[in-house]
């Protein structure tokens, strides 16, 4: 029961639905504004669940509920947006939910431009630039590159890419995806073609370039 995980939720007006500590119901289930993961006891499973949710491209804030002794185990690689103690009162829970959702909304409003290393994709002007140089892409090549870049690290099957980029009413075969990926790689050039990775017998993913820090 959700109230057993975070009792303060019972005193608030939010609609709360419980789910097992399993990624599939959270991905396939109804849309949520926030996902709260029970990390009070099994930290290993909770951490794995949070990380897996992030790799599947979940687009809502992710919070973990812990006991005080579990705070030391939390690190950036969990991928959570915030943490809550199970003893948190309703005012604190409400404030954290409001701030977390607000931060996501604000960041989404700032810009729709996708940046990955030296690649910049602007969906408002339908332009993609690599090292400042515009790429000569067809409409579908642009849409495919943008979709993959918006979900770095997430693997999509050819069928999923057909549905997301070409639409449910497209009757062509999955070979179309392979052709467009090949053309995209050619236009990205030898140095950057690896941005679109192949997962054998599964599909494709966008491989985000490593972050390079300037240390002085």
N, C-alpha and C. Protein backbone atom coordinates (compact mmCIF):
# COMPACT_ATOMS: atom_id res chain seq x y z
N UNK A 1 0.84 -1.20 0.00
CA UNK A 1 0.00 0.00 0.00
C UNK A 1 0.87 1.25 0.00
N UNK A 2 0.56 2.25 -0.83
CA UNK A 2 1.36 3.47 -0.87
C UNK A 2 1.48 4.16 0.47
N UNK A 3 0.40 4.14 1.28
CA UNK A 3 0.43 4.82 2.57
C UNK A 3 1.42 4.18 3.52
N UNK A 4 1.68 2.90 3.35
CA UNK A 4 2.66 2.22 4.20
C UNK A 4 4.07 2.65 3.86
N UNK A 5 4.30 3.02 2.60
CA UNK A 5 5.62 3.46 2.17
C UNK A 5 5.87 4.90 2.61
N UNK A 6 4.89 5.75 2.39
CA UNK A 6 5.01 7.17 2.72
C UNK A 6 3.68 7.62 3.34
N UNK A 7 3.54 7.45 4.65
CA UNK A 7 2.25 7.71 5.31
C UNK A 7 1.67 9.09 5.04
N UNK A 8 2.53 10.09 4.85
CA UNK A 8 2.03 11.45 4.64
C UNK A 8 1.16 11.57 3.39
N UNK A 9 1.34 10.66 2.43
CA UNK A 9 0.53 10.71 1.21
C UNK A 9 -0.95 10.55 1.51
N UNK A 10 -1.25 9.84 2.60
CA UNK A 10 -2.65 9.63 2.98
C UNK A 10 -3.34 10.93 3.38
N UNK A 11 -2.54 11.92 3.75
CA UNK A 11 -3.08 13.19 4.23
C UNK A 11 -3.13 14.24 3.13
N UNK A 12 -2.69 13.87 1.93
CA UNK A 12 -2.69 14.80 0.80
C UNK A 12 -3.76 14.41 -0.21
N UNK A 13 -3.99 15.27 -1.17
CA UNK A 13 -5.11 15.06 -2.11
C UNK A 13 -4.68 14.41 -3.42
N UNK A 14 -3.43 14.00 -3.53
CA UNK A 14 -2.95 13.41 -4.78
C UNK A 14 -3.57 12.04 -5.02
N UNK A 15 -3.75 11.70 -6.28
CA UNK A 15 -4.18 10.35 -6.65
C UNK A 15 -2.96 9.45 -6.66
N UNK A 16 -2.97 8.42 -5.82
CA UNK A 16 -1.81 7.55 -5.67
C UNK A 16 -2.19 6.13 -6.05
N UNK A 17 -1.37 5.52 -6.90
CA UNK A 17 -1.59 4.13 -7.30
C UNK A 17 -0.34 3.32 -6.99
N UNK A 18 -0.54 2.16 -6.38
CA UNK A 18 0.58 1.29 -6.04
C UNK A 18 0.92 0.36 -7.19
N UNK A 19 2.18 -0.06 -7.24
CA UNK A 19 2.65 -1.00 -8.26
C UNK A 19 3.79 -1.80 -7.65
N UNK A 20 3.97 -3.05 -8.08
CA UNK A 20 5.11 -3.83 -7.58
C UNK A 20 6.43 -3.20 -8.01
N UNK A 21 7.49 -3.57 -7.31
CA UNK A 21 8.81 -3.02 -7.62
C UNK A 21 9.32 -3.68 -8.90
N UNK A 22 8.64 -3.34 -9.99
CA UNK A 22 8.91 -3.93 -11.30
C UNK A 22 8.76 -2.82 -12.34
N UNK A 23 9.68 -2.76 -13.28
CA UNK A 23 9.68 -1.67 -14.24
C UNK A 23 8.51 -1.75 -15.21
N UNK A 24 8.11 -2.95 -15.60
CA UNK A 24 7.12 -3.10 -16.66
C UNK A 24 5.78 -2.41 -16.38
N UNK A 25 5.18 -2.61 -15.18
CA UNK A 25 3.92 -1.91 -14.93
C UNK A 25 4.06 -0.39 -14.95
N UNK A 26 5.23 0.10 -14.57
CA UNK A 26 5.45 1.55 -14.54
C UNK A 26 5.56 2.12 -15.94
N UNK A 27 6.11 1.33 -16.87
CA UNK A 27 6.26 1.79 -18.25
C UNK A 27 4.96 1.64 -19.02
N UNK A 28 4.31 0.49 -18.84
CA UNK A 28 3.11 0.19 -19.62
C UNK A 28 1.83 0.72 -18.99
N UNK A 29 1.90 1.13 -17.73
CA UNK A 29 0.71 1.57 -17.03
C UNK A 29 0.29 2.97 -17.40
N UNK A 30 -0.74 3.49 -16.71
CA UNK A 30 -1.22 4.85 -17.01
C UNK A 30 -0.17 5.89 -16.68
N UNK A 31 -0.27 7.03 -17.34
CA UNK A 31 0.71 8.10 -17.16
C UNK A 31 0.68 8.62 -15.73
N UNK A 32 1.86 8.97 -15.23
CA UNK A 32 1.98 9.51 -13.87
C UNK A 32 2.76 10.81 -13.93
N UNK A 33 2.55 11.65 -12.93
CA UNK A 33 3.30 12.90 -12.83
C UNK A 33 4.61 12.70 -12.08
N UNK A 34 4.63 11.72 -11.18
CA UNK A 34 5.81 11.42 -10.37
C UNK A 34 5.82 9.92 -10.11
N UNK A 35 7.02 9.32 -10.09
CA UNK A 35 7.17 7.93 -9.69
C UNK A 35 7.96 7.90 -8.38
N UNK A 36 7.39 7.26 -7.36
CA UNK A 36 8.03 7.16 -6.05
C UNK A 36 8.42 5.70 -5.84
N UNK A 37 9.71 5.45 -5.62
CA UNK A 37 10.22 4.09 -5.46
C UNK A 37 10.48 3.80 -3.98
N UNK A 38 10.00 2.66 -3.52
CA UNK A 38 10.20 2.23 -2.14
C UNK A 38 11.62 1.70 -1.98
N UNK A 39 12.47 2.48 -1.32
CA UNK A 39 13.86 2.07 -1.09
C UNK A 39 14.14 1.94 0.40
N UNK A 40 13.13 1.60 1.18
CA UNK A 40 13.29 1.55 2.63
C UNK A 40 14.08 0.34 3.10
N UNK A 41 13.96 -0.77 2.38
CA UNK A 41 14.61 -1.99 2.88
C UNK A 41 15.63 -2.56 1.90
N UNK A 42 15.17 -2.94 0.71
CA UNK A 42 16.09 -3.56 -0.25
C UNK A 42 16.70 -2.49 -1.14
N UNK A 43 17.82 -1.94 -0.70
CA UNK A 43 18.46 -0.85 -1.44
C UNK A 43 18.98 -1.30 -2.80
N UNK A 44 19.45 -2.54 -2.87
CA UNK A 44 20.00 -3.04 -4.14
C UNK A 44 18.93 -3.11 -5.22
N UNK A 45 17.78 -3.67 -4.86
CA UNK A 45 16.68 -3.78 -5.82
C UNK A 45 16.14 -2.39 -6.17
N UNK A 46 16.03 -1.52 -5.18
CA UNK A 46 15.52 -0.17 -5.43
C UNK A 46 16.45 0.59 -6.36
N UNK A 47 17.74 0.48 -6.12
CA UNK A 47 18.71 1.17 -6.98
C UNK A 47 18.63 0.65 -8.41
N UNK A 48 18.55 -0.68 -8.57
CA UNK A 48 18.46 -1.27 -9.90
C UNK A 48 17.18 -0.82 -10.61
N UNK A 49 16.09 -0.72 -9.85
CA UNK A 49 14.82 -0.28 -10.44
C UNK A 49 14.91 1.16 -10.92
N UNK A 50 15.49 2.03 -10.09
CA UNK A 50 15.64 3.44 -10.47
C UNK A 50 16.50 3.58 -11.72
N UNK A 51 17.61 2.87 -11.75
CA UNK A 51 18.52 2.95 -12.90
C UNK A 51 17.84 2.45 -14.17
N UNK A 52 17.09 1.36 -14.03
CA UNK A 52 16.41 0.79 -15.20
C UNK A 52 15.32 1.72 -15.71
N UNK A 53 14.61 2.35 -14.78
CA UNK A 53 13.60 3.32 -15.20
C UNK A 53 14.22 4.46 -15.98
N UNK A 54 15.37 4.91 -15.56
CA UNK A 54 16.05 5.99 -16.27
C UNK A 54 16.48 5.55 -17.68
N UNK A 55 16.98 4.33 -17.81
CA UNK A 55 17.44 3.87 -19.12
C UNK A 55 16.28 3.64 -20.08
N UNK A 56 15.07 3.43 -19.54
CA UNK A 56 13.92 3.24 -20.42
C UNK A 56 13.34 4.57 -20.88
N UNK A 57 13.93 5.66 -20.41
CA UNK A 57 13.50 6.97 -20.89
C UNK A 57 12.27 7.52 -20.20
N UNK A 58 12.02 7.11 -18.95
CA UNK A 58 10.88 7.65 -18.22
C UNK A 58 11.00 9.17 -18.14
N UNK A 59 9.94 9.87 -18.45
CA UNK A 59 10.03 11.31 -18.57
C UNK A 59 9.43 12.08 -17.41
N UNK A 60 9.28 11.44 -16.25
CA UNK A 60 8.70 12.12 -15.09
C UNK A 60 9.70 12.06 -13.94
N UNK A 61 9.54 12.94 -12.94
CA UNK A 61 10.46 12.91 -11.80
C UNK A 61 10.44 11.57 -11.07
N UNK A 62 11.59 11.21 -10.55
CA UNK A 62 11.76 9.93 -9.87
C UNK A 62 12.25 10.22 -8.45
N UNK A 63 11.47 9.78 -7.45
CA UNK A 63 11.82 9.99 -6.05
C UNK A 63 12.00 8.65 -5.35
N UNK A 64 12.90 8.60 -4.40
CA UNK A 64 13.12 7.39 -3.61
C UNK A 64 12.76 7.67 -2.16
N UNK A 65 12.04 6.74 -1.54
CA UNK A 65 11.68 6.86 -0.13
C UNK A 65 12.58 5.93 0.67
N UNK A 66 13.25 6.49 1.68
CA UNK A 66 14.21 5.73 2.47
C UNK A 66 13.96 5.91 3.95
N UNK A 67 14.60 5.04 4.74
CA UNK A 67 14.73 5.28 6.17
C UNK A 67 16.04 6.04 6.36
N UNK A 68 16.22 6.64 7.52
CA UNK A 68 17.39 7.49 7.74
C UNK A 68 18.69 6.74 7.49
N UNK A 69 18.74 5.47 7.85
CA UNK A 69 19.98 4.70 7.68
C UNK A 69 20.34 4.44 6.24
N UNK A 70 19.40 4.62 5.33
CA UNK A 70 19.68 4.35 3.92
C UNK A 70 20.21 5.54 3.15
N UNK A 71 20.22 6.72 3.76
CA UNK A 71 20.67 7.92 3.06
C UNK A 71 22.11 7.82 2.58
N UNK A 72 22.95 7.14 3.36
CA UNK A 72 24.36 7.03 2.99
C UNK A 72 24.56 6.23 1.71
N UNK A 73 23.57 5.41 1.33
CA UNK A 73 23.71 4.56 0.14
C UNK A 73 23.33 5.29 -1.14
N UNK A 74 22.67 6.43 -1.02
CA UNK A 74 22.22 7.17 -2.20
C UNK A 74 23.38 7.89 -2.86
N UNK A 75 23.47 7.74 -4.18
CA UNK A 75 24.49 8.45 -4.95
C UNK A 75 23.88 8.87 -6.28
N UNK A 76 24.66 9.63 -7.05
CA UNK A 76 24.15 10.17 -8.32
C UNK A 76 23.76 9.07 -9.30
N UNK A 77 24.42 7.90 -9.21
CA UNK A 77 24.14 6.86 -10.20
C UNK A 77 22.79 6.19 -10.00
N UNK A 78 22.09 6.53 -8.93
CA UNK A 78 20.72 6.04 -8.78
C UNK A 78 19.82 6.67 -9.85
N UNK A 79 20.11 7.91 -10.24
CA UNK A 79 19.29 8.58 -11.24
C UNK A 79 18.01 9.20 -10.71
N UNK A 80 17.90 9.34 -9.37
CA UNK A 80 16.68 9.91 -8.80
C UNK A 80 16.78 11.44 -8.77
N UNK A 81 15.62 12.08 -8.78
CA UNK A 81 15.57 13.54 -8.73
C UNK A 81 15.57 14.07 -7.30
N UNK A 82 15.10 13.25 -6.36
CA UNK A 82 15.07 13.67 -4.97
C UNK A 82 14.83 12.45 -4.09
N UNK A 83 15.05 12.62 -2.79
CA UNK A 83 14.79 11.54 -1.83
C UNK A 83 13.89 12.07 -0.72
N UNK A 84 13.17 11.15 -0.12
CA UNK A 84 12.28 11.48 1.00
C UNK A 84 12.46 10.43 2.08
N UNK A 85 12.45 10.86 3.33
CA UNK A 85 12.40 9.92 4.43
C UNK A 85 10.95 9.49 4.63
N UNK A 86 10.76 8.22 5.00
CA UNK A 86 9.39 7.74 5.16
C UNK A 86 8.65 8.50 6.26
N UNK A 87 9.40 9.13 7.16
CA UNK A 87 8.80 9.87 8.26
C UNK A 87 8.45 11.32 7.90
N UNK A 88 8.71 11.72 6.66
CA UNK A 88 8.45 13.10 6.24
C UNK A 88 6.98 13.46 6.42
N UNK A 89 6.73 14.67 6.90
CA UNK A 89 5.36 15.12 7.11
C UNK A 89 4.71 15.56 5.81
N UNK A 90 3.40 15.76 5.83
CA UNK A 90 2.68 16.12 4.60
C UNK A 90 3.16 17.42 3.97
N UNK A 91 3.53 18.42 4.78
CA UNK A 91 3.98 19.69 4.22
C UNK A 91 5.28 19.51 3.44
N UNK A 92 6.21 18.71 4.00
CA UNK A 92 7.48 18.48 3.31
C UNK A 92 7.27 17.67 2.03
N UNK A 93 6.45 16.63 2.11
CA UNK A 93 6.19 15.80 0.93
C UNK A 93 5.55 16.64 -0.17
N UNK A 94 4.58 17.46 0.18
CA UNK A 94 3.91 18.31 -0.80
C UNK A 94 4.90 19.27 -1.44
N UNK A 95 5.76 19.88 -0.63
CA UNK A 95 6.73 20.84 -1.15
C UNK A 95 7.72 20.17 -2.10
N UNK A 96 8.20 19.00 -1.72
CA UNK A 96 9.18 18.30 -2.58
C UNK A 96 8.55 17.85 -3.89
N UNK A 97 7.33 17.37 -3.83
CA UNK A 97 6.65 16.98 -5.07
C UNK A 97 6.45 18.20 -5.97
N UNK A 98 6.03 19.30 -5.39
CA UNK A 98 5.77 20.51 -6.18
C UNK A 98 7.06 21.04 -6.81
N UNK A 99 8.14 21.06 -6.04
CA UNK A 99 9.40 21.58 -6.56
C UNK A 99 10.00 20.67 -7.62
N UNK A 100 9.90 19.36 -7.41
CA UNK A 100 10.47 18.41 -8.36
C UNK A 100 9.75 18.48 -9.70
N UNK A 101 8.43 18.48 -9.66
CA UNK A 101 7.66 18.59 -10.90
C UNK A 101 7.89 19.94 -11.55
N UNK A 102 8.00 20.99 -10.74
CA UNK A 102 8.23 22.33 -11.28
C UNK A 102 9.56 22.46 -11.98
N UNK A 103 10.60 21.81 -11.42
CA UNK A 103 11.92 21.87 -12.06
C UNK A 103 11.89 21.21 -13.42
N UNK A 104 11.21 20.08 -13.52
CA UNK A 104 11.14 19.37 -14.80
C UNK A 104 10.39 20.20 -15.83
N UNK A 105 9.28 20.81 -15.41
CA UNK A 105 8.50 21.64 -16.33
C UNK A 105 9.30 22.83 -16.81
N UNK A 106 10.02 23.46 -15.88
CA UNK A 106 10.81 24.64 -16.23
C UNK A 106 11.93 24.28 -17.20
N UNK A 107 12.60 23.15 -16.95
CA UNK A 107 13.69 22.75 -17.84
C UNK A 107 13.16 22.38 -19.21
N UNK A 108 11.93 21.83 -19.25
CA UNK A 108 11.35 21.47 -20.54
C UNK A 108 10.94 22.69 -21.34
N UNK A 109 10.61 23.79 -20.62
CA UNK A 109 10.19 25.00 -21.31
C UNK A 109 11.36 25.83 -21.81
N UNK A 110 12.55 25.62 -21.25
CA UNK A 110 13.69 26.45 -21.58
C UNK A 110 14.07 26.34 -23.05
N UNK A 111 14.15 25.12 -23.54
CA UNK A 111 14.58 24.94 -24.92
C UNK A 111 14.25 23.54 -25.38
N UNK A 112 13.88 23.44 -26.64
CA UNK A 112 13.61 22.12 -27.22
C UNK A 112 14.82 21.60 -27.98
N UNK A 113 15.92 22.34 -27.94
CA UNK A 113 17.13 21.94 -28.66
C UNK A 113 17.77 20.75 -27.96
N UNK A 114 18.14 19.75 -28.76
CA UNK A 114 18.82 18.56 -28.24
C UNK A 114 20.31 18.71 -28.51
N UNK A 115 21.12 18.54 -27.48
CA UNK A 115 22.57 18.65 -27.64
C UNK A 115 23.24 17.37 -27.17
N UNK A 116 24.16 16.88 -27.97
CA UNK A 116 24.93 15.69 -27.63
C UNK A 116 26.34 15.88 -28.15
N UNK A 117 27.22 16.31 -27.27
CA UNK A 117 28.59 16.58 -27.71
C UNK A 117 28.61 17.70 -28.73
N UNK A 118 29.15 17.41 -29.90
CA UNK A 118 29.26 18.42 -30.96
C UNK A 118 28.05 18.44 -31.89
N UNK A 119 27.04 17.63 -31.56
CA UNK A 119 25.82 17.57 -32.36
C UNK A 119 24.72 18.40 -31.71
N UNK A 120 24.08 19.25 -32.49
CA UNK A 120 22.96 20.07 -32.02
C UNK A 120 21.78 19.86 -32.95
N UNK A 121 20.62 19.56 -32.34
CA UNK A 121 19.41 19.31 -33.12
C UNK A 121 18.33 20.29 -32.67
N UNK A 122 17.84 21.10 -33.59
CA UNK A 122 16.82 22.10 -33.28
C UNK A 122 15.52 21.73 -33.99
N UNK A 123 14.56 21.15 -33.28
CA UNK A 123 13.31 20.73 -33.93
C UNK A 123 12.44 21.89 -34.39
N UNK A 124 12.65 23.07 -33.80
CA UNK A 124 11.84 24.23 -34.21
C UNK A 124 12.19 24.70 -35.61
N UNK A 125 13.45 24.57 -35.98
CA UNK A 125 13.89 25.01 -37.32
C UNK A 125 14.25 23.82 -38.22
N UNK A 126 14.08 22.61 -37.69
CA UNK A 126 14.42 21.39 -38.43
C UNK A 126 15.84 21.44 -38.97
N UNK A 127 16.76 21.82 -38.11
CA UNK A 127 18.17 21.83 -38.49
C UNK A 127 18.98 21.00 -37.51
N UNK A 128 19.96 20.31 -38.04
CA UNK A 128 20.91 19.56 -37.22
C UNK A 128 22.30 20.02 -37.62
N UNK A 129 23.12 20.32 -36.62
CA UNK A 129 24.47 20.81 -36.89
C UNK A 129 25.49 19.95 -36.17
N UNK A 130 26.58 19.71 -36.85
CA UNK A 130 27.69 18.95 -36.29
C UNK A 130 28.93 19.84 -36.35
N UNK A 131 29.45 20.18 -35.17
CA UNK A 131 30.55 21.14 -35.09
C UNK A 131 30.19 22.46 -35.77
N UNK A 132 28.92 22.84 -35.66
CA UNK A 132 28.47 24.08 -36.25
C UNK A 132 28.12 23.99 -37.72
N UNK A 133 28.42 22.86 -38.34
CA UNK A 133 28.14 22.69 -39.77
C UNK A 133 26.78 22.04 -39.95
N UNK A 134 25.88 22.64 -40.74
CA UNK A 134 24.56 22.04 -40.93
C UNK A 134 24.65 20.72 -41.69
N UNK A 135 23.86 19.76 -41.25
CA UNK A 135 23.78 18.46 -41.93
C UNK A 135 22.63 18.49 -42.93
N UNK A 136 22.87 17.98 -44.11
CA UNK A 136 21.86 17.95 -45.17
C UNK A 136 21.03 16.68 -45.01
N UNK A 137 19.97 16.77 -44.19
CA UNK A 137 19.16 15.60 -43.88
C UNK A 137 17.78 15.72 -44.52
N UNK A 138 17.24 14.57 -44.92
CA UNK A 138 15.84 14.54 -45.34
C UNK A 138 14.96 14.64 -44.10
N UNK A 139 13.68 14.82 -44.30
CA UNK A 139 12.75 14.97 -43.17
C UNK A 139 12.80 13.75 -42.26
N UNK A 140 12.72 12.55 -42.83
CA UNK A 140 12.71 11.34 -42.01
C UNK A 140 14.07 11.07 -41.37
N UNK A 141 15.14 11.42 -42.06
CA UNK A 141 16.46 11.28 -41.45
C UNK A 141 16.57 12.18 -40.22
N UNK A 142 16.06 13.41 -40.35
CA UNK A 142 16.08 14.33 -39.22
C UNK A 142 15.23 13.79 -38.07
N UNK A 143 14.03 13.32 -38.37
CA UNK A 143 13.13 12.82 -37.34
C UNK A 143 13.73 11.60 -36.63
N UNK A 144 14.37 10.73 -37.39
CA UNK A 144 14.99 9.55 -36.80
C UNK A 144 16.15 9.94 -35.88
N UNK A 145 17.00 10.85 -36.34
CA UNK A 145 18.12 11.30 -35.53
C UNK A 145 17.64 11.99 -34.27
N UNK A 146 16.64 12.83 -34.42
CA UNK A 146 16.11 13.55 -33.26
C UNK A 146 15.52 12.58 -32.23
N UNK A 147 14.73 11.63 -32.70
CA UNK A 147 14.09 10.69 -31.78
C UNK A 147 15.13 9.89 -31.00
N UNK A 148 16.13 9.38 -31.71
CA UNK A 148 17.16 8.60 -31.03
C UNK A 148 17.93 9.46 -30.04
N UNK A 149 18.28 10.69 -30.45
CA UNK A 149 19.07 11.57 -29.59
C UNK A 149 18.30 12.02 -28.36
N UNK A 150 16.98 12.03 -28.44
CA UNK A 150 16.17 12.40 -27.28
C UNK A 150 16.11 11.30 -26.24
N UNK A 151 16.55 10.10 -26.61
CA UNK A 151 16.53 8.96 -25.68
C UNK A 151 17.90 8.27 -25.66
N UNK A 152 18.94 8.99 -25.27
CA UNK A 152 20.30 8.42 -25.31
C UNK A 152 20.42 7.15 -24.48
N UNK A 153 21.03 6.14 -25.09
CA UNK A 153 21.26 4.89 -24.39
C UNK A 153 20.11 3.91 -24.45
N UNK A 154 18.94 4.36 -24.82
CA UNK A 154 17.78 3.47 -24.87
C UNK A 154 17.75 2.73 -26.21
N UNK A 155 17.56 1.44 -26.14
CA UNK A 155 17.55 0.61 -27.35
C UNK A 155 16.12 0.50 -27.89
N UNK A 156 15.98 0.74 -29.19
CA UNK A 156 14.68 0.62 -29.85
C UNK A 156 14.76 -0.44 -30.94
N UNK A 157 13.73 -1.27 -31.02
CA UNK A 157 13.67 -2.22 -32.12
C UNK A 157 13.31 -1.47 -33.39
N UNK A 158 13.51 -2.13 -34.52
CA UNK A 158 13.14 -1.51 -35.80
C UNK A 158 11.64 -1.23 -35.85
N UNK A 159 10.86 -2.15 -35.29
CA UNK A 159 9.41 -1.95 -35.26
C UNK A 159 9.01 -0.73 -34.44
N UNK A 160 9.67 -0.54 -33.30
CA UNK A 160 9.38 0.63 -32.48
C UNK A 160 9.73 1.92 -33.21
N UNK A 161 10.87 1.92 -33.89
CA UNK A 161 11.28 3.11 -34.63
C UNK A 161 10.32 3.41 -35.78
N UNK A 162 9.83 2.37 -36.43
CA UNK A 162 8.84 2.58 -37.49
C UNK A 162 7.60 3.28 -36.94
N UNK A 163 7.13 2.80 -35.78
CA UNK A 163 5.93 3.38 -35.19
C UNK A 163 6.16 4.82 -34.74
N UNK A 164 7.31 5.07 -34.10
CA UNK A 164 7.56 6.39 -33.53
C UNK A 164 7.90 7.44 -34.59
N UNK A 165 8.64 7.05 -35.62
CA UNK A 165 9.12 8.02 -36.62
C UNK A 165 8.24 8.04 -37.87
N UNK A 166 7.84 6.87 -38.33
CA UNK A 166 7.05 6.81 -39.57
C UNK A 166 5.55 6.78 -39.30
N UNK A 167 5.16 6.38 -38.10
CA UNK A 167 3.75 6.38 -37.75
C UNK A 167 3.11 5.01 -37.88
N UNK A 168 2.00 4.84 -37.17
CA UNK A 168 1.31 3.55 -37.14
C UNK A 168 0.69 3.18 -38.48
N UNK A 169 0.46 4.18 -39.33
CA UNK A 169 -0.19 3.90 -40.61
C UNK A 169 0.81 3.62 -41.73
N UNK A 170 2.09 3.49 -41.37
CA UNK A 170 3.10 3.20 -42.39
C UNK A 170 3.13 1.69 -42.64
N UNK A 171 3.08 1.31 -43.91
CA UNK A 171 2.98 -0.11 -44.24
C UNK A 171 4.27 -0.68 -44.82
N UNK A 172 5.34 0.10 -44.85
CA UNK A 172 6.61 -0.41 -45.35
C UNK A 172 7.26 -1.35 -44.34
N UNK A 173 8.30 -2.03 -44.76
CA UNK A 173 8.99 -2.97 -43.89
C UNK A 173 10.06 -2.30 -43.04
N UNK A 174 10.57 -3.07 -42.09
CA UNK A 174 11.59 -2.54 -41.17
C UNK A 174 12.91 -2.26 -41.87
N UNK A 175 13.05 -2.77 -43.08
CA UNK A 175 14.26 -2.49 -43.85
C UNK A 175 14.44 -0.98 -44.05
N UNK A 176 13.35 -0.26 -44.07
CA UNK A 176 13.40 1.20 -44.21
C UNK A 176 14.27 1.82 -43.11
N UNK A 177 14.15 1.31 -41.89
CA UNK A 177 14.94 1.83 -40.78
C UNK A 177 16.42 1.63 -41.04
N UNK A 178 16.80 0.44 -41.50
CA UNK A 178 18.21 0.16 -41.77
C UNK A 178 18.77 1.11 -42.83
N UNK A 179 17.98 1.36 -43.86
CA UNK A 179 18.43 2.24 -44.94
C UNK A 179 18.66 3.65 -44.41
N UNK A 180 17.73 4.15 -43.60
CA UNK A 180 17.87 5.51 -43.07
C UNK A 180 19.03 5.61 -42.08
N UNK A 181 19.24 4.58 -41.30
CA UNK A 181 20.38 4.58 -40.37
C UNK A 181 21.69 4.62 -41.15
N UNK A 182 21.76 3.83 -42.21
CA UNK A 182 22.98 3.82 -43.03
C UNK A 182 23.24 5.20 -43.64
N UNK A 183 22.20 5.84 -44.13
CA UNK A 183 22.36 7.18 -44.71
C UNK A 183 22.75 8.21 -43.64
N UNK A 184 22.15 8.09 -42.47
CA UNK A 184 22.48 9.01 -41.38
C UNK A 184 23.95 8.88 -40.99
N UNK A 185 24.41 7.66 -40.85
CA UNK A 185 25.81 7.44 -40.48
C UNK A 185 26.75 8.02 -41.53
N UNK A 186 26.38 7.86 -42.78
CA UNK A 186 27.23 8.41 -43.85
C UNK A 186 27.30 9.92 -43.76
N UNK A 187 26.19 10.56 -43.42
CA UNK A 187 26.18 12.02 -43.32
C UNK A 187 26.86 12.52 -42.05
N UNK A 188 26.84 11.70 -41.00
CA UNK A 188 27.55 12.07 -39.77
C UNK A 188 29.06 11.97 -39.97
N UNK A 189 29.47 11.09 -40.87
CA UNK A 189 30.89 10.95 -41.16
C UNK A 189 31.56 9.90 -40.29
N UNK A 190 32.74 9.48 -40.71
CA UNK A 190 33.44 8.39 -40.03
C UNK A 190 33.70 8.67 -38.56
N UNK A 191 33.96 9.92 -38.23
CA UNK A 191 34.30 10.26 -36.85
C UNK A 191 33.09 10.22 -35.91
N UNK A 192 31.90 10.42 -36.47
CA UNK A 192 30.71 10.52 -35.62
C UNK A 192 29.63 9.48 -35.94
N UNK A 193 29.89 8.57 -36.87
CA UNK A 193 28.87 7.59 -37.22
C UNK A 193 28.52 6.67 -36.05
N UNK A 194 29.44 6.56 -35.09
CA UNK A 194 29.20 5.70 -33.93
C UNK A 194 28.17 6.28 -32.97
N UNK A 195 27.71 7.51 -33.23
CA UNK A 195 26.64 8.07 -32.40
C UNK A 195 25.38 7.21 -32.48
N UNK A 196 25.20 6.54 -33.60
CA UNK A 196 24.07 5.62 -33.75
C UNK A 196 24.62 4.20 -33.64
N UNK A 197 24.36 3.59 -32.51
CA UNK A 197 24.90 2.26 -32.25
C UNK A 197 23.93 1.16 -32.65
N UNK A 198 24.47 0.03 -33.03
CA UNK A 198 23.68 -1.15 -33.37
C UNK A 198 23.72 -2.15 -32.23
N UNK A 199 22.57 -2.62 -31.81
CA UNK A 199 22.49 -3.69 -30.82
C UNK A 199 22.04 -4.93 -31.58
N UNK A 200 22.93 -5.86 -31.76
CA UNK A 200 22.68 -7.01 -32.63
C UNK A 200 21.42 -7.77 -32.22
N UNK A 201 20.65 -8.10 -33.23
CA UNK A 201 19.40 -8.85 -33.10
C UNK A 201 18.33 -8.09 -32.33
N UNK A 202 18.56 -6.81 -32.06
CA UNK A 202 17.55 -6.01 -31.35
C UNK A 202 17.18 -4.77 -32.16
N UNK A 203 18.12 -3.84 -32.31
CA UNK A 203 17.81 -2.61 -33.02
C UNK A 203 18.91 -1.58 -32.91
N UNK A 204 18.53 -0.35 -32.62
CA UNK A 204 19.49 0.75 -32.60
C UNK A 204 19.33 1.60 -31.35
N UNK A 205 20.40 2.33 -31.02
CA UNK A 205 20.35 3.27 -29.91
C UNK A 205 21.27 4.45 -30.21
N UNK A 206 21.02 5.56 -29.52
CA UNK A 206 21.90 6.72 -29.64
C UNK A 206 22.96 6.63 -28.56
N UNK A 207 24.21 6.69 -28.98
CA UNK A 207 25.34 6.58 -28.06
C UNK A 207 25.85 7.98 -27.77
N UNK A 208 25.51 8.49 -26.59
CA UNK A 208 25.94 9.85 -26.24
C UNK A 208 27.45 9.90 -26.09
N UNK A 209 28.10 10.89 -26.68
CA UNK A 209 29.55 11.01 -26.55
C UNK A 209 29.94 11.30 -25.11
N UNK A 210 31.12 10.87 -24.68
CA UNK A 210 31.55 11.13 -23.30
C UNK A 210 31.67 12.62 -23.04
N UNK A 211 31.35 12.99 -21.80
CA UNK A 211 31.47 14.40 -21.41
C UNK A 211 32.93 14.71 -21.14
N UNK A 212 33.42 15.75 -21.77
CA UNK A 212 34.81 16.15 -21.59
C UNK A 212 34.87 17.42 -20.75
N UNK A 213 35.52 17.32 -19.61
CA UNK A 213 35.62 18.47 -18.72
C UNK A 213 36.94 19.19 -18.94
N UNK A 214 36.88 20.51 -18.90
CA UNK A 214 38.09 21.31 -18.98
C UNK A 214 38.58 21.59 -17.56
N UNK A 215 39.71 21.05 -17.22
CA UNK A 215 40.26 21.20 -15.88
C UNK A 215 41.38 22.21 -15.92
N UNK A 216 41.30 23.23 -15.04
CA UNK A 216 42.35 24.25 -14.99
C UNK A 216 42.95 24.30 -13.59
